Amino acid sequence: MPRNTLTRDQIVRTAVELLDEEGLEGLNMRSLGKRLDSAATAVYWHVKNKDDLVLLAGDLVWHEIELPEPDATDWRSAAVSLAVDLHTMFERHPWLVQAFGSYLFYGPGKARYDDHCLALYEQAGFAPADADQVAAAVFTYVLGNALGGAAMVSLNRRLSRDGQDGQELIGATMAKAAEVAQEFPRLRARLAEPYAADYAAAPEQTLERGLRALLAGLEAQLPAHGSAHGSARSSTRSN
């Protein structure tokens, strides 16, 4: 494909597809050009380098997050919905979770999400500076929850490239971890429960339960008049 028939949007969307399938380590201009049926040099007319491409791809996927209307429900339910959708986006694009260790993401997609979060928390009664802290706390919590799944995807991909059976090796490792855990009473008791068949598995609803607890704790820090204002607003919407 000649360079004048390529568009930046086409390149970035194809890069997201490649990143989803191959991860950060699988993205390069040659492989991207092959997918676009174009020379790698043609891609450079639209993006500077791989780092620039990762930033553009990272910002594009932020647009996938649905932004709940703050007035449609109580603020905590809206915040949980927003955070869960963020986590779902991270699950679709695990490379983005890993990239946070090497890239500083910015752009209209992320700014759209960040601005909506601040609007939601300020409407709940938080002062602007406090809303910044609440948004950072929720984002950090969601990112941490997504890290394990992203690491597992990356590990499976690396083992497969090395010709190993990723699932088999991970299963054997978890079995060894469970053996070690038998020496510790609380871990041993939990492994005997049906919900803990997998040593590394988290109980169901862990993300949502933690989010609600986090938001409840943050709400408790609101000034009395702000908390009352938020409660009255929720009551009005309920009626």
Protein backbone atom coordinates (compact mmCIF):
# COMPACT_ATOMS: atom_id res chain seq x y z
CA MET A 1 0.00 0.00 0.00
CA PRO A 2 1.57 3.34 -1.02
CA ARG A 3 2.17 5.76 1.80
CA ASN A 4 -0.33 8.28 0.44
CA THR A 5 -3.16 5.75 0.78
CA LEU A 6 -2.38 5.04 4.44
CA THR A 7 -3.92 7.10 7.20
CA ARG A 8 -2.78 7.53 10.78
CA ASP A 9 -6.09 6.20 12.05
CA GLN A 10 -5.73 3.05 9.95
CA ILE A 11 -2.18 2.53 11.20
CA VAL A 12 -3.11 3.03 14.87
CA ARG A 13 -6.12 0.70 14.71
CA THR A 14 -4.00 -1.99 13.06
CA ALA A 15 -1.34 -1.46 15.73
CA VAL A 16 -3.96 -2.10 18.43
CA GLU A 17 -4.90 -5.39 16.72
CA LEU A 18 -1.24 -6.39 16.56
CA LEU A 19 -0.63 -5.43 20.18
CA ASP A 20 -3.67 -7.42 21.31
CA GLU A 21 -2.35 -10.52 19.53
CA GLU A 22 1.41 -10.20 19.99
CA GLY A 23 1.94 -7.82 22.93
CA LEU A 24 4.41 -4.97 23.17
CA GLU A 25 7.31 -7.20 22.19
CA GLY A 26 5.52 -8.22 18.98
CA LEU A 27 4.98 -4.69 17.71
CA ASN A 28 7.48 -3.40 15.17
CA MET A 29 7.20 -1.40 11.98
CA ARG A 30 7.98 -4.36 9.75
CA SER A 31 5.22 -6.56 11.15
CA LEU A 32 2.82 -3.64 11.15
CA GLY A 33 3.67 -2.82 7.52
CA LYS A 34 3.04 -6.45 6.58
CA ARG A 35 -0.44 -6.29 8.10
CA LEU A 36 -1.13 -3.09 6.23
CA ASP A 37 0.27 -4.59 3.00
CA SER A 38 2.70 -1.73 2.92
CA ALA A 39 6.41 -1.08 3.31
CA ALA A 40 7.55 -0.32 6.83
CA THR A 41 9.03 2.94 5.58
CA ALA A 42 5.56 4.14 4.55
CA VAL A 43 4.41 3.87 8.16
CA TYR A 44 7.11 6.33 9.23
CA TRP A 45 5.44 9.04 7.18
CA HIS A 46 2.56 8.97 9.67
CA VAL A 47 4.17 8.03 13.03
CA LYS A 48 7.66 8.84 14.27
CA ASN A 49 8.60 5.51 15.83
CA LYS A 50 7.33 2.56 17.87
CA ASP A 51 7.08 4.60 21.07
CA ASP A 52 4.91 7.18 19.33
CA LEU A 53 2.75 4.37 17.96
CA VAL A 54 2.26 2.79 21.40
CA LEU A 55 1.15 6.16 22.81
CA LEU A 56 -1.34 6.63 19.99
CA ALA A 57 -2.67 3.09 20.33
CA GLY A 58 -2.88 3.44 24.10
CA ASP A 59 -4.94 6.61 23.84
CA LEU A 60 -7.27 5.14 21.22
CA VAL A 61 -8.48 2.32 23.44
CA TRP A 62 -9.47 4.76 26.21
CA HIS A 63 -12.37 5.76 23.96
CA GLU A 64 -13.86 2.29 24.51
CA ILE A 65 -14.81 3.18 28.09
CA GLU A 66 -18.45 4.17 28.52
CA LEU A 67 -18.94 7.26 30.62
CA PRO A 68 -22.05 6.99 32.85
CA GLU A 69 -24.03 10.14 33.37
CA PRO A 70 -23.45 11.35 36.96
CA ASP A 71 -27.12 12.33 37.30
CA ALA A 72 -28.42 8.94 36.14
CA THR A 73 -27.65 7.19 39.43
CA ASP A 74 -25.91 7.76 42.77
CA TRP A 75 -22.29 8.78 42.42
CA ARG A 76 -20.80 5.65 43.97
CA SER A 77 -22.71 3.34 41.59
CA ALA A 78 -21.55 5.50 38.68
CA ALA A 79 -17.96 5.38 39.97
CA VAL A 80 -18.06 1.57 40.29
CA SER A 81 -19.50 1.26 36.78
CA LEU A 82 -16.80 3.53 35.39
CA ALA A 83 -14.01 1.65 37.19
CA VAL A 84 -15.31 -1.78 36.14
CA ASP A 85 -15.45 -0.63 32.52
CA LEU A 86 -11.85 0.58 32.84
CA HIS A 87 -10.86 -2.84 34.16
CA THR A 88 -12.69 -4.55 31.27
CA MET A 89 -10.78 -2.37 28.81
CA PHE A 90 -7.51 -3.41 30.46
CA GLU A 91 -8.55 -7.06 30.09
CA ARG A 92 -9.15 -6.55 26.36
CA HIS A 93 -5.77 -4.85 25.96
CA PRO A 94 -3.36 -6.36 28.55
CA TRP A 95 -0.36 -4.80 26.80
CA LEU A 96 -1.60 -1.41 28.00
CA VAL A 97 -1.30 -2.51 31.64
CA GLN A 98 2.32 -3.54 31.06
CA ALA A 99 3.06 -0.36 29.13
CA PHE A 100 2.31 1.81 32.16
CA GLY A 101 5.71 0.77 33.48
CA SER A 102 7.48 2.34 30.47
CA TYR A 103 5.20 4.98 28.98
CA LEU A 104 3.44 8.14 30.14
CA PHE A 105 0.10 8.03 28.36
CA TYR A 106 -1.80 11.15 27.38
CA GLY A 107 -4.20 12.27 24.67
CA PRO A 108 -7.86 13.09 24.07
CA GLY A 109 -9.04 9.56 24.91
CA LYS A 110 -7.45 9.48 28.35
CA ALA A 111 -8.27 13.16 28.98
CA ARG A 112 -11.94 12.43 28.24
CA TYR A 113 -11.94 9.69 30.88
CA ASP A 114 -9.97 11.72 33.45
CA ASP A 115 -12.21 14.77 33.07
CA HIS A 116 -15.35 12.67 33.54
CA CYS A 117 -13.93 11.10 36.70
CA LEU A 118 -13.18 14.50 38.18
CA ALA A 119 -16.66 15.76 37.30
CA LEU A 120 -18.20 12.74 38.99
CA TYR A 121 -16.20 13.12 42.21
CA GLU A 122 -16.66 16.87 42.40
CA GLN A 123 -20.42 16.40 42.00
CA ALA A 124 -20.27 13.94 44.91
CA GLY A 125 -18.99 16.78 47.09
CA PHE A 126 -15.20 16.44 46.90
CA ALA A 127 -13.13 19.60 46.54
CA PRO A 128 -11.10 19.66 43.29
CA ALA A 129 -7.82 18.70 45.02
CA ASP A 130 -9.57 15.86 46.86
CA ALA A 131 -11.25 14.72 43.64
CA ASP A 132 -7.76 14.37 42.13
CA GLN A 133 -6.75 12.06 44.98
CA VAL A 134 -9.94 10.01 44.73
CA ALA A 135 -9.47 9.56 40.98
CA ALA A 136 -5.84 8.51 41.50
CA ALA A 137 -6.77 6.04 44.26
CA VAL A 138 -9.48 4.38 42.16
CA PHE A 139 -7.28 4.23 39.06
CA THR A 140 -4.38 2.71 41.00
CA TYR A 141 -6.69 0.11 42.52
CA VAL A 142 -8.09 -0.92 39.12
CA LEU A 143 -4.66 -1.00 37.50
CA GLY A 144 -3.33 -3.21 40.31
CA ASN A 145 -6.24 -5.62 39.88
CA ALA A 146 -5.57 -5.86 36.15
CA LEU A 147 -1.84 -6.52 36.57
CA GLY A 148 -2.12 -10.23 37.37
CA GLY A 149 -4.20 -11.03 34.30
CA ALA A 150 -1.92 -8.99 32.03
CA ALA A 151 1.16 -10.75 33.41
CA MET A 152 -0.44 -14.15 32.80
CA VAL A 153 -1.20 -13.26 29.17
CA SER A 154 2.38 -12.10 28.64
CA LEU A 155 3.81 -15.21 30.31
CA ASN A 156 1.67 -17.55 28.20
CA ARG A 157 2.73 -15.73 25.04
CA ARG A 158 6.42 -15.91 25.94
CA LEU A 159 6.26 -19.61 26.82
CA SER A 160 4.45 -20.36 23.57
CA ARG A 161 7.13 -18.55 21.58
CA ASP A 162 9.73 -20.69 23.35
CA GLY A 163 7.88 -23.84 22.30
CA GLN A 164 6.53 -24.63 25.78
CA ASP A 165 2.99 -25.40 26.84
CA GLY A 166 2.15 -22.28 28.84
CA GLN A 167 -0.96 -23.64 30.51
CA GLU A 168 0.77 -26.83 31.55
CA LEU A 169 3.77 -25.02 33.02
CA ILE A 170 1.62 -22.49 34.86
CA GLY A 171 -0.55 -25.28 36.22
CA ALA A 172 2.52 -27.13 37.51
CA THR A 173 3.83 -23.93 39.13
CA MET A 174 0.51 -23.27 40.86
CA ALA A 175 0.50 -26.86 42.15
CA LYS A 176 3.95 -26.31 43.67
CA ALA A 177 2.77 -23.02 45.21
CA ALA A 178 -0.18 -24.86 46.73
CA GLU A 179 2.18 -27.44 48.22
CA VAL A 180 4.22 -24.70 49.90
CA ALA A 181 0.99 -23.08 51.16
CA GLN A 182 0.07 -26.27 53.02
CA GLU A 183 2.68 -25.34 55.64
CA PHE A 184 0.69 -22.23 56.60
CA PRO A 185 -2.59 -22.76 58.48
CA ARG A 186 -4.71 -20.01 56.98
CA LEU A 187 -3.63 -20.74 53.44
CA ARG A 188 -4.16 -24.45 54.03
CA ALA A 189 -7.69 -23.81 55.29
CA ARG A 190 -8.54 -21.65 52.28
CA LEU A 191 -7.20 -24.15 49.79
CA ALA A 192 -9.61 -26.68 51.25
CA GLU A 193 -12.55 -24.46 50.30
CA PRO A 194 -14.34 -24.98 46.94
CA TYR A 195 -13.76 -21.36 45.87
CA ALA A 196 -9.98 -21.77 46.23
CA ALA A 197 -9.44 -24.64 43.80
CA ASP A 198 -6.80 -22.47 42.10
CA TYR A 199 -4.11 -21.11 44.42
CA ALA A 200 -3.82 -17.89 42.42
CA ALA A 201 -7.54 -17.34 41.88
CA ALA A 202 -9.34 -14.45 43.57
CA PRO A 203 -12.86 -14.86 44.99
CA GLU A 204 -15.71 -13.70 42.76
CA GLN A 205 -16.69 -10.03 42.91
CA THR A 206 -13.31 -9.12 44.40
CA LEU A 207 -12.95 -6.06 42.15
CA GLU A 208 -16.42 -4.69 42.82
CA ARG A 209 -16.30 -5.38 46.56
CA GLY A 210 -12.97 -3.63 46.90
CA LEU A 211 -14.18 -0.67 44.85
CA ARG A 212 -17.24 -0.20 47.02
CA ALA A 213 -15.17 -0.39 50.19
CA LEU A 214 -12.65 2.08 48.81
CA LEU A 215 -15.32 4.54 47.73
CA ALA A 216 -17.21 4.21 51.02
CA GLY A 217 -14.01 5.03 52.91
CA LEU A 218 -13.35 8.03 50.71
CA GLU A 219 -16.92 9.25 51.07
CA ALA A 220 -16.54 9.11 54.86
CA GLN A 221 -13.87 11.80 54.51
CA LEU A 222 -16.30 14.26 52.97
CA PRO A 223 -17.23 17.28 55.10
CA ALA A 224 -20.58 16.80 56.81
CA HIS A 225 -22.28 19.34 54.56
CA GLY A 226 -20.79 17.73 51.44
CA SER A 227 -21.88 14.26 52.51
CA ALA A 228 -25.37 15.48 53.34
CA HIS A 229 -25.55 17.29 50.00
CA GLY A 230 -24.53 14.09 48.17
CA SER A 231 -27.07 12.02 50.12
CA ALA A 232 -29.84 14.49 49.42
CA ARG A 233 -28.98 14.45 45.73
CA SER A 234 -29.08 10.64 45.68
CA SER A 235 -32.42 10.67 47.52
CA THR A 236 -33.88 13.14 45.04
CA ARG A 237 -32.83 10.97 42.11
CA SER A 238 -34.25 7.88 43.80
CA ASN A 239 -37.62 9.56 44.16
